[in-house]
Amino acid sequence: MAYEARYVLRPNPGADLGTVIESLKAGAALWKKHGAPSPRLWSVASGELGSYVLTVQFENAMEYAKVTDPLSADPEFRRWQANNLQSGAFTWVRSDLMREIALP
């Protein structure tokens, strides 16, 4: 049963978009460092226009836990989170963890 983590954010007015994108790339690299197979960054094209979504997909809950437990404990990840708060470049809209329901 597949799992997907989604992190939706919106750049704050006046923020440098290049800085926002670079920060998200750095975040994706940290996910990869801990074994996430292929983090992806999306630009919302309909609905919450102006938002960006970082997605990370896993085969199952065990694979998700193998990545998120060490990621959460990584001092580099914690610094990345703190730097994002200090920069004020973007605001988290929401985070979702989704579990796939198999369709017949």
N, C-alpha and C. Protein backbone atom coordinates (compact mmCIF):
# COMPACT_ATOMS: atom_id res chain seq x y z
N MET A 1 0.86 -1.17 0.00
CA MET A 1 0.00 0.00 0.00
C MET A 1 0.90 1.24 0.00
N ALA A 2 0.81 2.04 -1.01
CA ALA A 2 1.68 3.21 -1.18
C ALA A 2 1.33 4.32 -0.20
N TYR A 3 2.36 5.09 0.15
CA TYR A 3 2.22 6.27 1.00
C TYR A 3 2.80 7.47 0.26
N GLU A 4 2.20 8.63 0.48
CA GLU A 4 2.74 9.87 -0.09
C GLU A 4 2.65 10.97 0.94
N ALA A 5 3.77 11.66 1.14
CA ALA A 5 3.80 12.84 2.01
C ALA A 5 3.79 14.06 1.11
N ARG A 6 2.93 15.04 1.45
CA ARG A 6 2.83 16.29 0.67
C ARG A 6 2.99 17.47 1.61
N TYR A 7 3.79 18.43 1.17
CA TYR A 7 4.03 19.65 1.94
C TYR A 7 3.71 20.82 1.03
N VAL A 8 2.64 21.54 1.34
CA VAL A 8 2.17 22.65 0.52
C VAL A 8 2.63 23.94 1.16
N LEU A 9 3.19 24.83 0.36
CA LEU A 9 3.65 26.12 0.87
C LEU A 9 3.35 27.22 -0.12
N ARG A 10 3.36 28.43 0.38
CA ARG A 10 3.12 29.60 -0.47
C ARG A 10 4.20 30.64 -0.18
N PRO A 11 4.88 31.11 -1.23
CA PRO A 11 5.86 32.19 -1.02
C PRO A 11 5.16 33.42 -0.43
N ASN A 12 5.81 34.07 0.50
CA ASN A 12 5.26 35.28 1.09
C ASN A 12 5.46 36.46 0.15
N PRO A 13 4.57 37.47 0.21
CA PRO A 13 4.73 38.65 -0.64
C PRO A 13 6.13 39.26 -0.47
N GLY A 14 6.74 39.55 -1.60
CA GLY A 14 8.07 40.16 -1.60
C GLY A 14 9.21 39.18 -1.51
N ALA A 15 8.90 37.90 -1.30
CA ALA A 15 9.97 36.89 -1.20
C ALA A 15 10.62 36.67 -2.55
N ASP A 16 11.89 36.37 -2.53
CA ASP A 16 12.63 36.04 -3.74
C ASP A 16 12.31 34.59 -4.12
N LEU A 17 11.66 34.40 -5.27
CA LEU A 17 11.24 33.07 -5.68
C LEU A 17 12.43 32.12 -5.84
N GLY A 18 13.54 32.64 -6.32
CA GLY A 18 14.74 31.81 -6.46
C GLY A 18 15.20 31.25 -5.12
N THR A 19 15.11 32.06 -4.08
CA THR A 19 15.48 31.62 -2.73
C THR A 19 14.53 30.53 -2.25
N VAL A 20 13.25 30.71 -2.51
CA VAL A 20 12.25 29.71 -2.11
C VAL A 20 12.54 28.38 -2.80
N ILE A 21 12.76 28.41 -4.10
CA ILE A 21 13.02 27.18 -4.87
C ILE A 21 14.31 26.51 -4.38
N GLU A 22 15.35 27.29 -4.14
CA GLU A 22 16.61 26.72 -3.65
C GLU A 22 16.43 26.06 -2.30
N SER A 23 15.63 26.67 -1.43
CA SER A 23 15.37 26.08 -0.12
C SER A 23 14.63 24.74 -0.27
N LEU A 24 13.67 24.70 -1.18
CA LEU A 24 12.93 23.46 -1.40
C LEU A 24 13.82 22.38 -2.01
N LYS A 25 14.72 22.77 -2.89
CA LYS A 25 15.68 21.81 -3.43
C LYS A 25 16.56 21.24 -2.32
N ALA A 26 16.98 22.10 -1.40
CA ALA A 26 17.80 21.66 -0.27
C ALA A 26 17.01 20.69 0.61
N GLY A 27 15.74 20.99 0.82
CA GLY A 27 14.89 20.09 1.60
C GLY A 27 14.73 18.74 0.92
N ALA A 28 14.52 18.75 -0.39
CA ALA A 28 14.40 17.51 -1.15
C ALA A 28 15.69 16.70 -1.07
N ALA A 29 16.83 17.38 -1.11
CA ALA A 29 18.12 16.69 -1.01
C ALA A 29 18.27 16.00 0.35
N LEU A 30 17.75 16.63 1.40
CA LEU A 30 17.80 16.01 2.72
C LEU A 30 16.92 14.76 2.77
N TRP A 31 15.75 14.82 2.13
CA TRP A 31 14.91 13.62 2.06
C TRP A 31 15.67 12.51 1.34
N LYS A 32 16.30 12.86 0.20
CA LYS A 32 17.06 11.85 -0.58
C LYS A 32 18.21 11.28 0.23
N LYS A 33 18.89 12.15 0.99
CA LYS A 33 20.01 11.72 1.83
C LYS A 33 19.60 10.59 2.75
N HIS A 34 18.35 10.62 3.19
CA HIS A 34 17.87 9.60 4.13
C HIS A 34 17.09 8.48 3.46
N GLY A 35 17.12 8.43 2.12
CA GLY A 35 16.58 7.29 1.41
C GLY A 35 15.27 7.49 0.68
N ALA A 36 14.72 8.70 0.66
CA ALA A 36 13.50 8.93 -0.12
C ALA A 36 13.83 8.72 -1.59
N PRO A 37 13.05 7.91 -2.29
CA PRO A 37 13.41 7.54 -3.65
C PRO A 37 13.40 8.69 -4.66
N SER A 38 12.43 9.57 -4.59
CA SER A 38 12.42 10.63 -5.60
C SER A 38 11.48 11.77 -5.21
N PRO A 39 11.95 12.64 -4.32
CA PRO A 39 11.12 13.82 -3.97
C PRO A 39 10.86 14.65 -5.23
N ARG A 40 9.67 15.22 -5.30
CA ARG A 40 9.29 16.03 -6.46
C ARG A 40 8.73 17.36 -5.99
N LEU A 41 9.00 18.40 -6.78
CA LEU A 41 8.46 19.73 -6.49
C LEU A 41 7.47 20.09 -7.58
N TRP A 42 6.29 20.54 -7.16
CA TRP A 42 5.21 20.87 -8.07
C TRP A 42 4.84 22.33 -7.91
N SER A 43 4.45 22.96 -8.99
CA SER A 43 3.87 24.29 -8.97
C SER A 43 2.38 24.10 -9.20
N VAL A 44 1.56 24.65 -8.31
CA VAL A 44 0.11 24.47 -8.42
C VAL A 44 -0.40 25.27 -9.61
N ALA A 45 -1.09 24.59 -10.54
CA ALA A 45 -1.59 25.22 -11.76
C ALA A 45 -3.07 25.56 -11.69
N SER A 46 -3.77 25.01 -10.72
CA SER A 46 -5.20 25.29 -10.57
C SER A 46 -5.55 25.11 -9.10
N GLY A 47 -6.42 25.96 -8.61
CA GLY A 47 -6.80 25.88 -7.19
C GLY A 47 -6.01 26.89 -6.39
N GLU A 48 -5.07 26.42 -5.59
CA GLU A 48 -4.27 27.31 -4.74
C GLU A 48 -3.09 27.88 -5.54
N LEU A 49 -3.43 28.70 -6.54
CA LEU A 49 -2.40 29.28 -7.41
C LEU A 49 -1.34 29.99 -6.59
N GLY A 50 -0.11 29.86 -7.05
CA GLY A 50 1.00 30.48 -6.35
C GLY A 50 1.63 29.58 -5.30
N SER A 51 1.00 28.44 -5.05
CA SER A 51 1.55 27.50 -4.08
C SER A 51 2.48 26.51 -4.76
N TYR A 52 3.34 25.92 -3.94
CA TYR A 52 4.25 24.86 -4.38
C TYR A 52 4.04 23.66 -3.48
N VAL A 53 4.26 22.48 -4.03
CA VAL A 53 4.04 21.25 -3.27
C VAL A 53 5.27 20.35 -3.42
N LEU A 54 5.84 19.97 -2.29
CA LEU A 54 6.92 18.98 -2.29
C LEU A 54 6.28 17.64 -1.95
N THR A 55 6.43 16.66 -2.84
CA THR A 55 5.86 15.33 -2.61
C THR A 55 6.97 14.30 -2.48
N VAL A 56 6.73 13.33 -1.62
CA VAL A 56 7.67 12.23 -1.43
C VAL A 56 6.84 10.96 -1.35
N GLN A 57 7.13 10.01 -2.24
CA GLN A 57 6.33 8.78 -2.32
C GLN A 57 7.13 7.59 -1.80
N PHE A 58 6.38 6.66 -1.18
CA PHE A 58 6.98 5.46 -0.60
C PHE A 58 6.13 4.26 -0.95
N GLU A 59 6.75 3.08 -0.96
CA GLU A 59 6.02 1.86 -1.28
C GLU A 59 5.04 1.48 -0.17
N ASN A 60 5.39 1.78 1.09
CA ASN A 60 4.55 1.39 2.21
C ASN A 60 4.94 2.18 3.46
N ALA A 61 4.23 1.94 4.56
CA ALA A 61 4.48 2.67 5.80
C ALA A 61 5.87 2.40 6.35
N MET A 62 6.36 1.19 6.19
CA MET A 62 7.70 0.86 6.70
C MET A 62 8.77 1.67 5.98
N GLU A 63 8.65 1.80 4.66
CA GLU A 63 9.62 2.59 3.90
C GLU A 63 9.55 4.06 4.29
N TYR A 64 8.35 4.56 4.53
CA TYR A 64 8.17 5.94 5.00
C TYR A 64 8.89 6.14 6.34
N ALA A 65 8.67 5.22 7.27
CA ALA A 65 9.29 5.33 8.60
C ALA A 65 10.81 5.23 8.53
N LYS A 66 11.32 4.39 7.64
CA LYS A 66 12.78 4.25 7.50
C LYS A 66 13.44 5.56 7.11
N VAL A 67 12.70 6.42 6.42
CA VAL A 67 13.25 7.71 5.98
C VAL A 67 12.95 8.81 7.00
N THR A 68 11.70 8.89 7.45
CA THR A 68 11.31 10.03 8.28
C THR A 68 11.90 10.00 9.68
N ASP A 69 12.10 8.82 10.26
CA ASP A 69 12.68 8.78 11.60
C ASP A 69 14.09 9.38 11.61
N PRO A 70 15.02 8.92 10.76
CA PRO A 70 16.35 9.54 10.77
C PRO A 70 16.35 10.98 10.24
N LEU A 71 15.46 11.29 9.30
CA LEU A 71 15.37 12.66 8.78
C LEU A 71 15.01 13.61 9.91
N SER A 72 14.02 13.26 10.70
CA SER A 72 13.57 14.13 11.79
C SER A 72 14.65 14.34 12.84
N ALA A 73 15.53 13.38 13.00
CA ALA A 73 16.60 13.49 13.99
C ALA A 73 17.87 14.15 13.45
N ASP A 74 17.93 14.38 12.15
CA ASP A 74 19.13 14.94 11.51
C ASP A 74 19.29 16.42 11.88
N PRO A 75 20.40 16.81 12.51
CA PRO A 75 20.61 18.22 12.86
C PRO A 75 20.60 19.14 11.64
N GLU A 76 21.06 18.64 10.51
CA GLU A 76 21.05 19.45 9.29
C GLU A 76 19.61 19.75 8.86
N PHE A 77 18.72 18.78 9.01
CA PHE A 77 17.31 18.98 8.68
C PHE A 77 16.68 19.99 9.64
N ARG A 78 17.02 19.88 10.91
CA ARG A 78 16.48 20.83 11.90
C ARG A 78 16.96 22.25 11.63
N ARG A 79 18.22 22.39 11.22
CA ARG A 79 18.73 23.72 10.84
C ARG A 79 17.99 24.25 9.62
N TRP A 80 17.75 23.36 8.65
CA TRP A 80 17.02 23.75 7.44
C TRP A 80 15.63 24.27 7.83
N GLN A 81 14.94 23.57 8.71
CA GLN A 81 13.62 24.01 9.16
C GLN A 81 13.71 25.37 9.86
N ALA A 82 14.67 25.51 10.76
CA ALA A 82 14.82 26.77 11.50
C ALA A 82 15.16 27.93 10.57
N ASN A 83 16.02 27.68 9.60
CA ASN A 83 16.38 28.73 8.64
C ASN A 83 15.17 29.17 7.82
N ASN A 84 14.30 28.23 7.48
CA ASN A 84 13.10 28.58 6.73
C ASN A 84 12.18 29.47 7.56
N LEU A 85 12.05 29.18 8.82
CA LEU A 85 11.23 30.02 9.70
C LEU A 85 11.81 31.42 9.81
N GLN A 86 13.11 31.49 10.00
CA GLN A 86 13.78 32.79 10.14
C GLN A 86 13.71 33.62 8.87
N SER A 87 13.81 32.97 7.72
CA SER A 87 13.85 33.72 6.46
C SER A 87 12.53 34.42 6.18
N GLY A 88 11.42 33.81 6.59
CA GLY A 88 10.11 34.38 6.32
C GLY A 88 9.77 34.40 4.83
N ALA A 89 10.46 33.59 4.04
CA ALA A 89 10.26 33.60 2.59
C ALA A 89 8.96 32.90 2.18
N PHE A 90 8.54 31.93 2.97
CA PHE A 90 7.30 31.23 2.63
C PHE A 90 6.57 30.77 3.88
N THR A 91 5.30 30.43 3.67
CA THR A 91 4.44 29.97 4.75
C THR A 91 3.94 28.57 4.40
N TRP A 92 4.02 27.66 5.36
CA TRP A 92 3.45 26.34 5.16
C TRP A 92 1.94 26.46 5.13
N VAL A 93 1.31 25.89 4.14
CA VAL A 93 -0.14 25.89 4.04
C VAL A 93 -0.68 24.65 4.76
N ARG A 94 -0.09 23.49 4.45
CA ARG A 94 -0.50 22.25 5.10
C ARG A 94 0.49 21.14 4.76
N SER A 95 0.41 20.10 5.54
CA SER A 95 1.15 18.86 5.28
C SER A 95 0.16 17.72 5.32
N ASP A 96 0.30 16.79 4.40
CA ASP A 96 -0.59 15.63 4.35
C ASP A 96 0.25 14.36 4.22
N LEU A 97 -0.19 13.32 4.89
CA LEU A 97 0.36 11.99 4.68
C LEU A 97 -0.80 11.14 4.19
N MET A 98 -0.65 10.63 2.99
CA MET A 98 -1.75 9.90 2.37
C MET A 98 -1.39 8.42 2.21
N ARG A 99 -2.39 7.59 2.40
CA ARG A 99 -2.23 6.15 2.21
C ARG A 99 -3.14 5.73 1.07
N GLU A 100 -2.58 5.05 0.11
CA GLU A 100 -3.34 4.62 -1.07
C GLU A 100 -4.36 3.55 -0.68
N ILE A 101 -5.54 3.67 -1.25
CA ILE A 101 -6.57 2.65 -1.13
C ILE A 101 -6.65 1.96 -2.48
N ALA A 102 -6.36 0.69 -2.50
CA ALA A 102 -6.37 -0.06 -3.76
C ALA A 102 -7.78 -0.15 -4.30
N LEU A 103 -7.91 0.12 -5.58
CA LEU A 103 -9.20 -0.01 -6.25
C LEU A 103 -9.22 -1.33 -6.99
N PRO A 104 -10.39 -2.00 -6.97
CA PRO A 104 -10.47 -3.29 -7.65
C PRO A 104 -10.34 -3.15 -9.15
